[in-house]
């Protein structure tokens, strides 16, 4: 019997994808907002595809802020954008 793979919805493109394919933005119980690459940090999470287009769409629509019920500092968005650019560059070099 095949194991069930958890699915989550991207806040940018609104597509359902495997949880492991997405980046989690988490609001801790103390109210801190951070990136959670392992998906294990305690707190409320929102998910994004590792794509700049999805991030920009989520920022424009404030989908992540609504999901986490908190205002997100610009530094978190800047860090997300930087890490997504690095990931896209690494993917392009690998192919």
PDB file of N, CA and C in Angstrom:
ATOM      1  N   UNK A   1       0.835  -1.182   0.000  1.00  0.00           N
ATOM      2  CA  UNK A   1       0.000   0.000   0.000  1.00  0.00           C
ATOM      3  C   UNK A   1       0.882   1.247   0.000  1.00  0.00           C
ATOM      4  N   UNK A   2       0.554   2.188  -0.879  1.00  0.00           N
ATOM      5  CA  UNK A   2       1.368   3.381  -1.025  1.00  0.00           C
ATOM      6  C   UNK A   2       1.066   4.389   0.079  1.00  0.00           C
ATOM      7  N   UNK A   3       2.132   5.037   0.571  1.00  0.00           N
ATOM      8  CA  UNK A   3       1.997   6.019   1.633  1.00  0.00           C
ATOM      9  C   UNK A   3       1.400   7.315   1.066  1.00  0.00           C
ATOM     10  N   UNK A   4       0.527   7.967   1.829  1.00  0.00           N
ATOM     11  CA  UNK A   4      -0.094   9.205   1.384  1.00  0.00           C
ATOM     12  C   UNK A   4       0.921  10.346   1.459  1.00  0.00           C
ATOM     13  N   UNK A   5       1.029  11.128   0.380  1.00  0.00           N
ATOM     14  CA  UNK A   5       1.966  12.245   0.321  1.00  0.00           C
ATOM     15  C   UNK A   5       1.208  13.525   0.667  1.00  0.00           C
ATOM     16  N   UNK A   6       1.670  14.265   1.702  1.00  0.00           N
ATOM     17  CA  UNK A   6       0.959  15.484   2.088  1.00  0.00           C
ATOM     18  C   UNK A   6       1.019  16.541   0.991  1.00  0.00           C
ATOM     19  N   UNK A   7      -0.095  17.217   0.771  1.00  0.00           N
ATOM     20  CA  UNK A   7      -0.203  18.265  -0.231  1.00  0.00           C
ATOM     21  C   UNK A   7      -0.449  19.600   0.471  1.00  0.00           C
ATOM     22  N   UNK A   8       0.096  20.673  -0.084  1.00  0.00           N
ATOM     23  CA  UNK A   8      -0.146  22.016   0.425  1.00  0.00           C
ATOM     24  C   UNK A   8      -0.380  22.938  -0.766  1.00  0.00           C
ATOM     25  N   UNK A   9      -1.026  24.073  -0.507  1.00  0.00           N
ATOM     26  CA  UNK A   9      -1.335  25.015  -1.573  1.00  0.00           C
ATOM     27  C   UNK A   9      -0.355  26.182  -1.530  1.00  0.00           C
ATOM     28  N   UNK A  10       0.207  26.525  -2.680  1.00  0.00           N
ATOM     29  CA  UNK A  10       1.114  27.661  -2.799  1.00  0.00           C
ATOM     30  C   UNK A  10       0.299  28.944  -2.662  1.00  0.00           C
ATOM     31  N   UNK A  11       0.797  29.901  -1.884  1.00  0.00           N
ATOM     32  CA  UNK A  11       0.103  31.165  -1.685  1.00  0.00           C
ATOM     33  C   UNK A  11       0.203  32.071  -2.910  1.00  0.00           C
ATOM     34  N   UNK A  12       1.118  31.773  -3.830  1.00  0.00           N
ATOM     35  CA  UNK A  12       1.277  32.597  -5.026  1.00  0.00           C
ATOM     36  C   UNK A  12       0.412  32.128  -6.175  1.00  0.00           C
ATOM     37  N   UNK A  13       0.660  30.905  -6.649  1.00  0.00           N
ATOM     38  CA  UNK A  13      -0.051  30.387  -7.819  1.00  0.00           C
ATOM     39  C   UNK A  13      -1.322  29.635  -7.452  1.00  0.00           C
ATOM     40  N   UNK A  14      -1.515  29.355  -6.157  1.00  0.00           N
ATOM     41  CA  UNK A  14      -2.699  28.672  -5.635  1.00  0.00           C
ATOM     42  C   UNK A  14      -2.814  27.220  -6.083  1.00  0.00           C
ATOM     43  N   UNK A  15      -1.712  26.633  -6.575  1.00  0.00           N
ATOM     44  CA  UNK A  15      -1.719  25.221  -6.993  1.00  0.00           C
ATOM     45  C   UNK A  15      -1.360  24.335  -5.808  1.00  0.00           C
ATOM     46  N   UNK A  16      -1.960  23.144  -5.773  1.00  0.00           N
ATOM     47  CA  UNK A  16      -1.632  22.155  -4.733  1.00  0.00           C
ATOM     48  C   UNK A  16      -0.434  21.347  -5.217  1.00  0.00           C
ATOM     49  N   UNK A  17       0.569  21.233  -4.341  1.00  0.00           N
ATOM     50  CA  UNK A  17       1.790  20.496  -4.677  1.00  0.00           C
ATOM     51  C   UNK A  17       2.225  19.690  -3.466  1.00  0.00           C
ATOM     52  N   UNK A  18       3.186  18.792  -3.681  1.00  0.00           N
ATOM     53  CA  UNK A  18       3.742  18.029  -2.570  1.00  0.00           C
ATOM     54  C   UNK A  18       4.399  18.985  -1.576  1.00  0.00           C
ATOM     55  N   UNK A  19       4.179  18.731  -0.306  1.00  0.00           N
ATOM     56  CA  UNK A  19       4.690  19.598   0.754  1.00  0.00           C
ATOM     57  C   UNK A  19       6.200  19.797   0.643  1.00  0.00           C
ATOM     58  N   UNK A  20       6.929  18.753   0.302  1.00  0.00           N
ATOM     59  CA  UNK A  20       8.395  18.833   0.233  1.00  0.00           C
ATOM     60  C   UNK A  20       8.899  19.723  -0.901  1.00  0.00           C
ATOM     61  N   UNK A  21       8.077  19.981  -1.905  1.00  0.00           N
ATOM     62  CA  UNK A  21       8.475  20.831  -3.030  1.00  0.00           C
ATOM     63  C   UNK A  21       8.357  22.311  -2.702  1.00  0.00           C
ATOM     64  N   UNK A  22       7.690  22.643  -1.594  1.00  0.00           N
ATOM     65  CA  UNK A  22       7.394  24.033  -1.273  1.00  0.00           C
ATOM     66  C   UNK A  22       8.267  24.548  -0.134  1.00  0.00           C
ATOM     67  N   UNK A  23       8.387  25.865  -0.043  1.00  0.00           N
ATOM     68  CA  UNK A  23       9.107  26.521   1.050  1.00  0.00           C
ATOM     69  C   UNK A  23       8.064  26.987   2.051  1.00  0.00           C
ATOM     70  N   UNK A  24       8.319  26.753   3.336  1.00  0.00           N
ATOM     71  CA  UNK A  24       7.365  27.133   4.386  1.00  0.00           C
ATOM     72  C   UNK A  24       7.819  28.421   5.060  1.00  0.00           C
ATOM     73  N   UNK A  25       6.899  29.358   5.175  1.00  0.00           N
ATOM     74  CA  UNK A  25       7.110  30.570   5.960  1.00  0.00           C
ATOM     75  C   UNK A  25       6.304  30.341   7.230  1.00  0.00           C
ATOM     76  N   UNK A  26       6.938  30.477   8.392  1.00  0.00           N
ATOM     77  CA  UNK A  26       6.270  30.123   9.649  1.00  0.00           C
ATOM     78  C   UNK A  26       6.218  31.315  10.609  1.00  0.00           C
ATOM     79  N   UNK A  27       5.090  31.436  11.313  1.00  0.00           N
ATOM     80  CA  UNK A  27       4.967  32.398  12.412  1.00  0.00           C
ATOM     81  C   UNK A  27       5.018  31.584  13.692  1.00  0.00           C
ATOM     82  N   UNK A  28       6.049  31.823  14.480  1.00  0.00           N
ATOM     83  CA  UNK A  28       6.229  31.054  15.722  1.00  0.00           C
ATOM     84  C   UNK A  28       5.184  31.475  16.746  1.00  0.00           C
ATOM     85  N   UNK A  29       5.002  30.676  17.800  1.00  0.00           N
ATOM     86  CA  UNK A  29       4.059  31.051  18.857  1.00  0.00           C
ATOM     87  C   UNK A  29       4.401  32.407  19.505  1.00  0.00           C
ATOM     88  N   UNK A  30       5.676  32.816  19.427  1.00  0.00           N
ATOM     89  CA  UNK A  30       6.096  34.114  19.984  1.00  0.00           C
ATOM     90  C   UNK A  30       5.813  35.262  19.018  1.00  0.00           C
ATOM     91  N   UNK A  31       5.416  34.945  17.778  1.00  0.00           N
ATOM     92  CA  UNK A  31       5.098  35.982  16.796  1.00  0.00           C
ATOM     93  C   UNK A  31       6.207  36.277  15.803  1.00  0.00           C
ATOM     94  N   UNK A  32       7.332  35.572  15.885  1.00  0.00           N
ATOM     95  CA  UNK A  32       8.440  35.771  14.952  1.00  0.00           C
ATOM     96  C   UNK A  32       8.116  35.109  13.614  1.00  0.00           C
ATOM     97  N   UNK A  33       8.445  35.776  12.503  1.00  0.00           N
ATOM     98  CA  UNK A  33       8.237  35.207  11.174  1.00  0.00           C
ATOM     99  C   UNK A  33       9.591  34.808  10.622  1.00  0.00           C
ATOM    100  N   UNK A  34       9.691  33.575  10.115  1.00  0.00           N
ATOM    101  CA  UNK A  34      10.958  33.072   9.594  1.00  0.00           C
ATOM    102  C   UNK A  34      10.701  32.033   8.512  1.00  0.00           C
ATOM    103  N   UNK A  35      11.772  31.675   7.804  1.00  0.00           N
ATOM    104  CA  UNK A  35      11.700  30.613   6.802  1.00  0.00           C
ATOM    105  C   UNK A  35      11.987  29.286   7.491  1.00  0.00           C
ATOM    106  N   UNK A  36      11.255  28.266   7.091  1.00  0.00           N
ATOM    107  CA  UNK A  36      11.417  26.938   7.685  1.00  0.00           C
ATOM    108  C   UNK A  36      11.606  25.936   6.547  1.00  0.00           C
ATOM    109  N   UNK A  37      12.852  25.580   6.278  1.00  0.00           N
ATOM    110  CA  UNK A  37      13.131  24.695   5.153  1.00  0.00           C
ATOM    111  C   UNK A  37      12.875  23.234   5.471  1.00  0.00           C
ATOM    112  N   UNK A  38      12.913  22.857   6.745  1.00  0.00           N
ATOM    113  CA  UNK A  38      12.668  21.466   7.117  1.00  0.00           C
ATOM    114  C   UNK A  38      11.188  21.180   7.304  1.00  0.00           C
ATOM    115  N   UNK A  39      10.374  22.223   7.509  1.00  0.00           N
ATOM    116  CA  UNK A  39       8.939  22.044   7.674  1.00  0.00           C
ATOM    117  C   UNK A  39       8.559  21.494   9.039  1.00  0.00           C
ATOM    118  N   UNK A  40       9.435  21.630  10.026  1.00  0.00           N
ATOM    119  CA  UNK A  40       9.180  21.050  11.340  1.00  0.00           C
ATOM    120  C   UNK A  40       9.033  22.092  12.447  1.00  0.00           C
ATOM    121  N   UNK A  41       9.302  23.359  12.160  1.00  0.00           N
ATOM    122  CA  UNK A  41       9.251  24.389  13.196  1.00  0.00           C
ATOM    123  C   UNK A  41       7.817  24.559  13.709  1.00  0.00           C
ATOM    124  N   UNK A  42       7.679  24.794  15.020  1.00  0.00           N
ATOM    125  CA  UNK A  42       6.331  24.975  15.564  1.00  0.00           C
ATOM    126  C   UNK A  42       5.758  26.318  15.140  1.00  0.00           C
ATOM    127  N   UNK A  43       4.476  26.351  14.908  1.00  0.00           N
ATOM    128  CA  UNK A  43       3.806  27.598  14.567  1.00  0.00           C
ATOM    129  C   UNK A  43       2.945  27.443  13.332  1.00  0.00           C
ATOM    130  N   UNK A  44       2.340  28.547  12.948  1.00  0.00           N
ATOM    131  CA  UNK A  44       1.438  28.582  11.801  1.00  0.00           C
ATOM    132  C   UNK A  44       2.261  28.757  10.533  1.00  0.00           C
ATOM    133  N   UNK A  45       1.984  27.966   9.518  1.00  0.00           N
ATOM    134  CA  UNK A  45       2.777  28.004   8.299  1.00  0.00           C
ATOM    135  C   UNK A  45       1.987  28.390   7.064  1.00  0.00           C
ATOM    136  N   UNK A  46       2.713  28.968   6.103  1.00  0.00           N
ATOM    137  CA  UNK A  46       2.180  29.259   4.775  1.00  0.00           C
ATOM    138  C   UNK A  46       3.220  28.748   3.790  1.00  0.00           C
ATOM    139  N   UNK A  47       2.790  28.287   2.647  1.00  0.00           N
ATOM    140  CA  UNK A  47       3.697  27.632   1.702  1.00  0.00           C
ATOM    141  C   UNK A  47       3.800  28.394   0.391  1.00  0.00           C
ATOM    142  N   UNK A  48       4.997  28.338  -0.206  1.00  0.00           N
ATOM    143  CA  UNK A  48       5.271  28.985  -1.488  1.00  0.00           C
ATOM    144  C   UNK A  48       6.095  28.069  -2.374  1.00  0.00           C
ATOM    145  N   UNK A  49       5.825  28.118  -3.672  1.00  0.00           N
ATOM    146  CA  UNK A  49       6.695  27.439  -4.632  1.00  0.00           C
ATOM    147  C   UNK A  49       8.055  28.141  -4.591  1.00  0.00           C
ATOM    148  N   UNK A  50       9.125  27.436  -4.874  1.00  0.00           N
ATOM    149  CA  UNK A  50      10.437  28.101  -4.905  1.00  0.00           C
ATOM    150  C   UNK A  50      10.624  28.867  -6.214  1.00  0.00           C
ATOM    151  N   UNK A  51       9.710  29.780  -6.516  1.00  0.00           N
ATOM    152  CA  UNK A  51       9.761  30.545  -7.754  1.00  0.00           C
ATOM    153  C   UNK A  51       9.503  32.021  -7.462  1.00  0.00           C
ATOM    154  N   UNK A  52      10.280  32.886  -8.089  1.00  0.00           N
ATOM    155  CA  UNK A  52      10.129  34.321  -7.869  1.00  0.00           C
ATOM    156  C   UNK A  52       8.753  34.816  -8.295  1.00  0.00           C
ATOM    157  N   UNK A  53       8.199  34.250  -9.347  1.00  0.00           N
ATOM    158  CA  UNK A  53       6.876  34.672  -9.821  1.00  0.00           C
ATOM    159  C   UNK A  53       5.819  34.434  -8.747  1.00  0.00           C
ATOM    160  N   UNK A  54       5.863  33.278  -8.085  1.00  0.00           N
ATOM    161  CA  UNK A  54       4.902  32.975  -7.020  1.00  0.00           C
ATOM    162  C   UNK A  54       5.105  33.900  -5.826  1.00  0.00           C
ATOM    163  N   UNK A  55       6.348  34.175  -5.478  1.00  0.00           N
ATOM    164  CA  UNK A  55       6.631  35.061  -4.355  1.00  0.00           C
ATOM    165  C   UNK A  55       6.077  36.454  -4.634  1.00  0.00           C
ATOM    166  N   UNK A  56       6.338  36.982  -5.820  1.00  0.00           N
ATOM    167  CA  UNK A  56       5.864  38.328  -6.157  1.00  0.00           C
ATOM    168  C   UNK A  56       4.345  38.398  -6.163  1.00  0.00           C
ATOM    169  N   UNK A  57       3.703  37.339  -6.654  1.00  0.00           N
ATOM    170  CA  UNK A  57       2.238  37.291  -6.660  1.00  0.00           C
ATOM    171  C   UNK A  57       1.699  37.274  -5.225  1.00  0.00           C
ATOM    172  N   UNK A  58       2.349  36.498  -4.347  1.00  0.00           N
ATOM    173  CA  UNK A  58       1.913  36.403  -2.944  1.00  0.00           C
ATOM    174  C   UNK A  58       2.134  37.719  -2.199  1.00  0.00           C
ATOM    175  N   UNK A  59       3.223  38.423  -2.511  1.00  0.00           N
ATOM    176  CA  UNK A  59       3.485  39.719  -1.880  1.00  0.00           C
ATOM    177  C   UNK A  59       2.429  40.731  -2.322  1.00  0.00           C
ATOM    178  N   UNK A  60       2.167  40.757  -3.620  1.00  0.00           N
ATOM    179  CA  UNK A  60       1.203  41.720  -4.179  1.00  0.00           C
ATOM    180  C   UNK A  60      -0.194  41.518  -3.592  1.00  0.00           C
ATOM    181  N   UNK A  61      -0.599  40.265  -3.419  1.00  0.00           N
ATOM    182  CA  UNK A  61      -1.943  39.982  -2.917  1.00  0.00           C
ATOM    183  C   UNK A  61      -2.004  39.905  -1.386  1.00  0.00           C
ATOM    184  N   UNK A  62      -0.831  40.020  -0.725  1.00  0.00           N
ATOM    185  CA  UNK A  62      -0.729  39.908   0.746  1.00  0.00           C
ATOM    186  C   UNK A  62      -1.276  38.578   1.259  1.00  0.00           C
ATOM    187  N   UNK A  63      -1.176  37.534   0.450  1.00  0.00           N
ATOM    188  CA  UNK A  63      -1.707  36.218   0.812  1.00  0.00           C
ATOM    189  C   UNK A  63      -0.985  35.613   2.015  1.00  0.00           C
ATOM    190  N   UNK A  64       0.320  35.790   2.092  1.00  0.00           N
ATOM    191  CA  UNK A  64       1.081  35.215   3.205  1.00  0.00           C
ATOM    192  C   UNK A  64       0.707  35.926   4.504  1.00  0.00           C
ATOM    193  N   UNK A  65       0.601  37.243   4.449  1.00  0.00           N
ATOM    194  CA  UNK A  65       0.233  37.998   5.645  1.00  0.00           C
ATOM    195  C   UNK A  65      -1.147  37.577   6.154  1.00  0.00           C
ATOM    196  N   UNK A  66      -2.088  37.384   5.247  1.00  0.00           N
ATOM    197  CA  UNK A  66      -3.434  36.949   5.653  1.00  0.00           C
ATOM    198  C   UNK A  66      -3.383  35.547   6.247  1.00  0.00           C
ATOM    199  N   UNK A  67      -2.617  34.673   5.640  1.00  0.00           N
ATOM    200  CA  UNK A  67      -2.541  33.297   6.109  1.00  0.00           C
ATOM    201  C   UNK A  67      -1.906  33.199   7.498  1.00  0.00           C
ATOM    202  N   UNK A  68      -0.852  33.969   7.723  1.00  0.00           N
ATOM    203  CA  UNK A  68      -0.150  33.924   9.006  1.00  0.00           C
ATOM    204  C   UNK A  68      -0.770  34.866  10.039  1.00  0.00           C
ATOM    205  N   UNK A  69      -1.697  35.698   9.599  1.00  0.00           N
ATOM    206  CA  UNK A  69      -2.393  36.647  10.482  1.00  0.00           C
ATOM    207  C   UNK A  69      -1.418  37.587  11.185  1.00  0.00           C
ATOM    208  N   UNK A  70      -0.413  38.064  10.437  1.00  0.00           N
ATOM    209  CA  UNK A  70       0.588  38.980  10.991  1.00  0.00           C
ATOM    210  C   UNK A  70       1.208  39.764   9.835  1.00  0.00           C
ATOM    211  N   UNK A  71       1.705  40.971  10.133  1.00  0.00           N
ATOM    212  CA  UNK A  71       2.401  41.748   9.112  1.00  0.00           C
ATOM    213  C   UNK A  71       3.816  41.194   8.979  1.00  0.00           C
ATOM    214  N   UNK A  72       4.249  40.987   7.746  1.00  0.00           N
ATOM    215  CA  UNK A  72       5.558  40.365   7.514  1.00  0.00           C
ATOM    216  C   UNK A  72       6.594  41.446   7.219  1.00  0.00           C
ATOM    217  N   UNK A  73       7.722  41.433   7.947  1.00  0.00           N
ATOM    218  CA  UNK A  73       8.767  42.437   7.711  1.00  0.00           C
ATOM    219  C   UNK A  73       9.371  42.293   6.313  1.00  0.00           C
ATOM    220  N   UNK A  74       9.812  43.415   5.771  1.00  0.00           N
ATOM    221  CA  UNK A  74      10.400  43.442   4.425  1.00  0.00           C
ATOM    222  C   UNK A  74      11.640  42.561   4.336  1.00  0.00           C
ATOM    223  N   UNK A  75      12.366  42.393   5.463  1.00  0.00           N
ATOM    224  CA  UNK A  75      13.581  41.562   5.456  1.00  0.00           C
ATOM    225  C   UNK A  75      13.270  40.103   5.109  1.00  0.00           C
ATOM    226  N   UNK A  76      12.127  39.611   5.579  1.00  0.00           N
ATOM    227  CA  UNK A  76      11.740  38.228   5.284  1.00  0.00           C
ATOM    228  C   UNK A  76      11.487  38.078   3.783  1.00  0.00           C
ATOM    229  N   UNK A  77      10.767  39.036   3.206  1.00  0.00           N
ATOM    230  CA  UNK A  77      10.524  38.996   1.758  1.00  0.00           C
ATOM    231  C   UNK A  77      11.836  39.093   0.985  1.00  0.00           C
ATOM    232  N   UNK A  78      12.750  39.963   1.442  1.00  0.00           N
ATOM    233  CA  UNK A  78      14.041  40.122   0.759  1.00  0.00           C
ATOM    234  C   UNK A  78      14.840  38.826   0.833  1.00  0.00           C
ATOM    235  N   UNK A  79      14.832  38.171   1.998  1.00  0.00           N
ATOM    236  CA  UNK A  79      15.581  36.909   2.154  1.00  0.00           C
ATOM    237  C   UNK A  79      14.980  35.812   1.281  1.00  0.00           C
ATOM    238  N   UNK A  80      13.652  35.732   1.257  1.00  0.00           N
ATOM    239  CA  UNK A  80      12.977  34.749   0.404  1.00  0.00           C
ATOM    240  C   UNK A  80      13.361  34.964  -1.058  1.00  0.00           C
ATOM    241  N   UNK A  81      13.306  36.221  -1.482  1.00  0.00           N
ATOM    242  CA  UNK A  81      13.628  36.547  -2.875  1.00  0.00           C
ATOM    243  C   UNK A  81      15.069  36.170  -3.204  1.00  0.00           C
ATOM    244  N   UNK A  82      16.000  36.485  -2.292  1.00  0.00           N
ATOM    245  CA  UNK A  82      17.412  36.160  -2.510  1.00  0.00           C
ATOM    246  C   UNK A  82      17.619  34.651  -2.614  1.00  0.00           C
ATOM    247  N   UNK A  83      17.002  33.888  -1.722  1.00  0.00           N
ATOM    248  CA  UNK A  83      17.191  32.441  -1.736  1.00  0.00           C
ATOM    249  C   UNK A  83      16.543  31.801  -2.956  1.00  0.00           C
ATOM    250  N   UNK A  84      15.431  32.353  -3.415  1.00  0.00           N
ATOM    251  CA  UNK A  84      14.792  31.819  -4.621  1.00  0.00           C
ATOM    252  C   UNK A  84      15.630  32.122  -5.860  1.00  0.00           C
ATOM    253  N   UNK A  85      16.237  33.308  -5.898  1.00  0.00           N
ATOM    254  CA  UNK A  85      17.130  33.645  -7.019  1.00  0.00           C
ATOM    255  C   UNK A  85      18.316  32.695  -7.053  1.00  0.00           C
ATOM    256  N   UNK A  86      18.888  32.406  -5.875  1.00  0.00           N
ATOM    257  CA  UNK A  86      20.022  31.480  -5.798  1.00  0.00           C
ATOM    258  C   UNK A  86      19.610  30.086  -6.267  1.00  0.00           C
ATOM    259  N   UNK A  87      18.432  29.645  -5.859  1.00  0.00           N
ATOM    260  CA  UNK A  87      17.959  28.317  -6.255  1.00  0.00           C
ATOM    261  C   UNK A  87      17.736  28.252  -7.769  1.00  0.00           C
ATOM    262  N   UNK A  88      17.151  29.304  -8.346  1.00  0.00           N
ATOM    263  CA  UNK A  88      16.926  29.317  -9.792  1.00  0.00           C
ATOM    264  C   UNK A  88      18.241  29.347 -10.553  1.00  0.00           C
ATOM    265  N   UNK A  89      19.240  30.086 -10.034  1.00  0.00           N
ATOM    266  CA  UNK A  89      20.555  30.141 -10.669  1.00  0.00           C
ATOM    267  C   UNK A  89      21.214  28.765 -10.617  1.00  0.00           C
ATOM    268  N   UNK A  90      21.127  28.101  -9.474  1.00  0.00           N
ATOM    269  CA  UNK A  90      21.719  26.765  -9.334  1.00  0.00           C
ATOM    270  C   UNK A  90      21.037  25.772 -10.264  1.00  0.00           C
ATOM    271  N   UNK A  91      19.714  25.853 -10.412  1.00  0.00           N
ATOM    272  CA  UNK A  91      18.992  24.965 -11.324  1.00  0.00           C
ATOM    273  C   UNK A  91      19.419  25.208 -12.761  1.00  0.00           C
ATOM    274  N   UNK A  92      19.593  26.465 -13.136  1.00  0.00           N
ATOM    275  CA  UNK A  92      19.977  26.792 -14.507  1.00  0.00           C
ATOM    276  C   UNK A  92      21.396  26.290 -14.815  1.00  0.00           C
ATOM    277  N   UNK A  93      22.295  26.365 -13.826  1.00  0.00           N
ATOM    278  CA  UNK A  93      23.660  25.911 -14.035  1.00  0.00           C
ATOM    279  C   UNK A  93      23.724  24.381 -14.070  1.00  0.00           C
ATOM    280  N   UNK A  94      22.847  23.736 -13.348  1.00  0.00           N
ATOM    281  CA  UNK A  94      22.853  22.282 -13.283  1.00  0.00           C
ATOM    282  C   UNK A  94      22.340  21.624 -14.550  1.00  0.00           C
ATOM    283  N   UNK A  95      21.512  22.322 -15.337  1.00  0.00           N
ATOM    284  CA  UNK A  95      20.949  21.695 -16.541  1.00  0.00           C
ATOM    285  C   UNK A  95      21.810  21.831 -17.753  1.00  0.00           C
TER     286      UNK A  95
END
